């Protein structure tokens, strides 16, 4: 299971990067006007087509913005390509991205809900994975409450819109999204069935 182990040197590097983060939340707020149409004024997207980014780790948000920009410049050959995000981030400077990340990280993500009919199966897969199929437990990287780990670069996934989480797991499974560290998410997602993805996406939506 080497793919799920974080090398000490890489972990220390991530810690150094995290502590060096110098985004200005107030400046980010002033720069966020164009983001509000999809993500809401405070990062709580009113539609499940777009992710909630309020309360997400600043380092993770910064990384995604940089990779959206790279994806746009390379037509998806590198980074993370999204037709809507590419033009939005094209002209952003690195400091702009740090400021936006700091602003949204300072906001509070609104709680979501988990349907009763997925709790049992969702909890089992989230907490224990499936050893027979080689599926690692989500809890290993995202924590027992789905809040992730800022220093290691693992995002908060609790309270996220189920439809968005589903779309991202499907994108990792197909390889359409490939900006995960060491291919960890792609390795896991390719082993998930449609039912697994549906259950996990709904389960983490209300994970406390």
Protein backbone atom coordinates (compact mmCIF):
# COMPACT_ATOMS: atom_id res chain seq x y z
CA UNK A 1 0.00 0.00 0.00
CA UNK A 2 2.86 2.40 -0.74
CA UNK A 3 0.59 4.84 -2.54
CA UNK A 4 -1.11 5.70 0.73
CA UNK A 5 2.06 6.42 2.68
CA UNK A 6 3.33 9.97 2.73
CA UNK A 7 7.15 10.03 2.56
CA UNK A 8 8.69 11.98 5.42
CA UNK A 9 10.58 14.34 3.13
CA UNK A 10 7.42 15.13 1.16
CA UNK A 11 5.42 15.60 4.35
CA UNK A 12 8.01 17.99 5.76
CA UNK A 13 8.01 19.89 2.49
CA UNK A 14 4.23 20.24 2.65
CA UNK A 15 4.48 21.49 6.22
CA UNK A 16 7.02 24.10 5.16
CA UNK A 17 4.77 25.20 2.30
CA UNK A 18 1.74 25.38 4.56
CA UNK A 19 3.47 27.55 7.15
CA UNK A 20 4.82 29.85 4.45
CA UNK A 21 1.33 30.56 3.09
CA UNK A 22 0.85 34.33 3.05
CA UNK A 23 -2.57 35.01 1.57
CA UNK A 24 -4.52 38.09 2.70
CA UNK A 25 -8.16 37.23 3.41
CA UNK A 26 -9.36 40.83 3.24
CA UNK A 27 -7.69 41.34 -0.12
CA UNK A 28 -9.17 38.04 -1.24
CA UNK A 29 -12.65 39.17 -0.30
CA UNK A 30 -12.29 42.21 -2.54
CA UNK A 31 -11.11 39.98 -5.40
CA UNK A 32 -13.88 37.41 -5.01
CA UNK A 33 -16.74 39.28 -6.70
CA UNK A 34 -16.50 37.32 -9.94
CA UNK A 35 -16.40 34.03 -8.03
CA UNK A 36 -19.72 34.67 -6.28
CA UNK A 37 -21.91 33.81 -9.27
CA UNK A 38 -20.99 30.13 -8.98
CA UNK A 39 -19.61 29.75 -5.46
CA UNK A 40 -21.79 32.18 -3.52
CA UNK A 41 -20.74 35.33 -1.69
CA UNK A 42 -19.08 33.36 1.10
CA UNK A 43 -18.04 30.26 -0.80
CA UNK A 44 -21.20 28.28 -0.07
CA UNK A 45 -22.35 27.51 -3.58
CA UNK A 46 -26.15 27.71 -3.88
CA UNK A 47 -26.19 25.01 -6.56
CA UNK A 48 -24.72 21.52 -6.40
CA UNK A 49 -23.13 21.93 -9.83
CA UNK A 50 -20.32 23.85 -8.15
CA UNK A 51 -18.43 23.00 -4.96
CA UNK A 52 -18.68 24.66 -1.60
CA UNK A 53 -15.25 26.17 -1.02
CA UNK A 54 -15.97 28.00 2.24
CA UNK A 55 -13.82 26.57 5.02
CA UNK A 56 -11.68 24.54 2.63
CA UNK A 57 -7.96 24.45 3.46
CA UNK A 58 -6.17 27.47 2.00
CA UNK A 59 -3.26 25.44 0.69
CA UNK A 60 -5.60 23.08 -1.13
CA UNK A 61 -7.57 25.95 -2.68
CA UNK A 62 -4.37 27.65 -3.79
CA UNK A 63 -3.13 24.42 -5.37
CA UNK A 64 -6.39 23.95 -7.29
CA UNK A 65 -6.37 27.53 -8.59
CA UNK A 66 -2.80 27.15 -9.81
CA UNK A 67 -3.64 23.87 -11.51
CA UNK A 68 -6.79 25.26 -13.12
CA UNK A 69 -4.61 28.01 -14.55
CA UNK A 70 -2.03 25.50 -15.78
CA UNK A 71 -4.79 23.35 -17.23
CA UNK A 72 -6.10 26.32 -19.17
CA UNK A 73 -2.67 27.22 -20.52
CA UNK A 74 -1.92 23.66 -21.65
CA UNK A 75 -5.44 22.71 -22.84
CA UNK A 76 -5.57 20.03 -20.17
CA UNK A 77 -2.24 18.39 -20.88
CA UNK A 78 -1.04 19.49 -17.44
CA UNK A 79 -2.75 20.63 -14.29
CA UNK A 80 -6.53 20.47 -13.97
CA UNK A 81 -8.68 21.55 -16.89
CA UNK A 82 -12.18 22.97 -16.51
CA UNK A 83 -13.84 25.00 -19.26
CA UNK A 84 -15.52 27.34 -16.77
CA UNK A 85 -12.58 27.83 -14.45
CA UNK A 86 -9.89 28.26 -17.10
CA UNK A 87 -10.93 31.78 -18.19
CA UNK A 88 -11.70 32.80 -14.60
CA UNK A 89 -8.17 32.11 -13.40
CA UNK A 90 -6.22 32.97 -16.55
CA UNK A 91 -5.20 36.47 -15.45
CA UNK A 92 -4.76 35.78 -11.73
CA UNK A 93 -1.34 36.36 -10.21
CA UNK A 94 0.04 33.95 -7.63
CA UNK A 95 -0.75 36.49 -4.92
CA UNK A 96 -4.32 36.85 -6.18
CA UNK A 97 -4.73 33.10 -5.81
CA UNK A 98 -3.24 33.11 -2.32
CA UNK A 99 -5.55 35.95 -1.28
CA UNK A 100 -8.64 34.22 -2.66
CA UNK A 101 -7.65 30.98 -0.98
CA UNK A 102 -7.15 32.75 2.34
CA UNK A 103 -10.55 34.46 2.08
CA UNK A 104 -12.54 31.33 1.34
CA UNK A 105 -10.63 29.32 3.93
CA UNK A 106 -11.70 31.89 6.54
CA UNK A 107 -15.38 31.33 5.80
CA UNK A 108 -17.62 28.63 7.30
CA UNK A 109 -19.00 25.84 5.19
CA UNK A 110 -22.71 25.27 5.67
CA UNK A 111 -23.67 21.88 7.00
CA UNK A 112 -25.12 19.29 4.68
CA UNK A 113 -27.25 16.21 5.27
CA UNK A 114 -26.87 12.47 4.84
CA UNK A 115 -29.88 10.39 3.74
CA UNK A 116 -30.77 7.70 6.27
CA UNK A 117 -30.63 4.93 3.66
CA UNK A 118 -26.90 5.36 2.97
CA UNK A 119 -25.56 5.76 6.50
CA UNK A 120 -24.78 2.10 7.22
CA UNK A 121 -23.09 1.30 3.89
CA UNK A 122 -21.46 4.73 3.67
CA UNK A 123 -19.95 4.53 7.14
CA UNK A 124 -18.60 1.04 6.48
CA UNK A 125 -16.86 2.07 3.25
CA UNK A 126 -15.69 5.45 4.55
CA UNK A 127 -14.24 4.08 7.77
CA UNK A 128 -13.15 0.60 6.77
CA UNK A 129 -12.72 0.60 3.01
CA UNK A 130 -12.93 -2.80 1.33
CA UNK A 131 -9.82 -4.91 1.73
CA UNK A 132 -11.03 -7.60 -0.67
CA UNK A 133 -11.25 -5.05 -3.48
CA UNK A 134 -8.14 -3.17 -2.43
CA UNK A 135 -10.08 -0.01 -1.50
CA UNK A 136 -8.45 2.05 1.24
CA UNK A 137 -10.64 3.66 3.89
CA UNK A 138 -11.43 7.32 3.20
CA UNK A 139 -10.76 8.04 6.87
CA UNK A 140 -7.05 7.35 6.34
CA UNK A 141 -6.52 10.65 4.52
CA UNK A 142 -9.67 12.66 5.14
CA UNK A 143 -10.04 11.91 8.85
CA UNK A 144 -12.98 10.58 10.89
CA UNK A 145 -15.07 13.68 10.24
CA UNK A 146 -13.98 14.25 6.66
CA UNK A 147 -12.13 17.47 7.44
CA UNK A 148 -8.93 16.37 5.72
CA UNK A 149 -5.44 17.48 6.67
CA UNK A 150 -4.16 20.91 5.69
CA UNK A 151 -0.46 20.10 6.09
CA UNK A 152 -0.64 16.90 4.07
CA UNK A 153 -2.78 18.48 1.36
CA UNK A 154 -5.88 16.35 1.88
CA UNK A 155 -9.08 18.39 1.42
CA UNK A 156 -12.15 18.74 3.58
CA UNK A 157 -14.90 16.64 2.00
CA UNK A 158 -17.57 16.74 4.70
CA UNK A 159 -20.67 18.91 4.00
CA UNK A 160 -19.83 19.01 0.29
CA UNK A 161 -22.66 18.83 -2.26
CA UNK A 162 -23.23 15.14 -3.04
CA UNK A 163 -23.58 15.82 -6.77
CA UNK A 164 -20.21 17.57 -6.86
CA UNK A 165 -18.45 14.86 -4.87
CA UNK A 166 -19.97 12.27 -7.20
CA UNK A 167 -18.75 14.12 -10.29
CA UNK A 168 -15.20 14.31 -8.92
CA UNK A 169 -15.03 10.65 -7.95
CA UNK A 170 -16.23 9.77 -11.45
CA UNK A 171 -13.63 12.10 -12.94
CA UNK A 172 -10.86 10.47 -10.90
CA UNK A 173 -12.14 7.04 -11.92
CA UNK A 174 -12.11 7.85 -15.61
CA UNK A 175 -8.81 9.72 -15.43
CA UNK A 176 -10.43 12.97 -16.58
CA UNK A 177 -9.11 14.50 -13.36
CA UNK A 178 -5.50 13.61 -12.69
CA UNK A 179 -4.09 16.20 -10.29
CA UNK A 180 -4.19 13.98 -7.21
CA UNK A 181 -0.98 13.40 -5.29
CA UNK A 182 0.78 10.20 -6.39
CA UNK A 183 -2.39 9.12 -8.20
CA UNK A 184 -3.96 8.11 -4.89
CA UNK A 185 -7.52 9.13 -5.70
CA UNK A 186 -7.39 7.63 -9.18
CA UNK A 187 -6.15 4.35 -7.74
CA UNK A 188 -9.04 4.23 -5.27
CA UNK A 189 -11.76 5.58 -7.55
CA UNK A 190 -11.10 3.09 -10.34
CA UNK A 191 -12.11 0.33 -7.93
CA UNK A 192 -15.38 1.99 -6.92
CA UNK A 193 -18.66 0.92 -8.46
CA UNK A 194 -21.38 3.39 -9.43
CA UNK A 195 -23.21 2.38 -6.25
CA UNK A 196 -20.11 2.95 -4.10
CA UNK A 197 -19.71 6.45 -5.51
CA UNK A 198 -23.38 7.27 -5.01
CA UNK A 199 -23.30 6.09 -1.40
CA UNK A 200 -20.02 7.81 -0.46
CA UNK A 201 -21.03 11.08 -2.11
CA UNK A 202 -24.26 11.21 -0.12
CA UNK A 203 -22.65 9.96 3.09
CA UNK A 204 -19.98 12.66 3.36
CA UNK A 205 -22.50 15.40 2.64
CA UNK A 206 -23.69 15.37 6.23
CA UNK A 207 -20.62 13.93 7.93
CA UNK A 208 -19.99 15.64 11.28
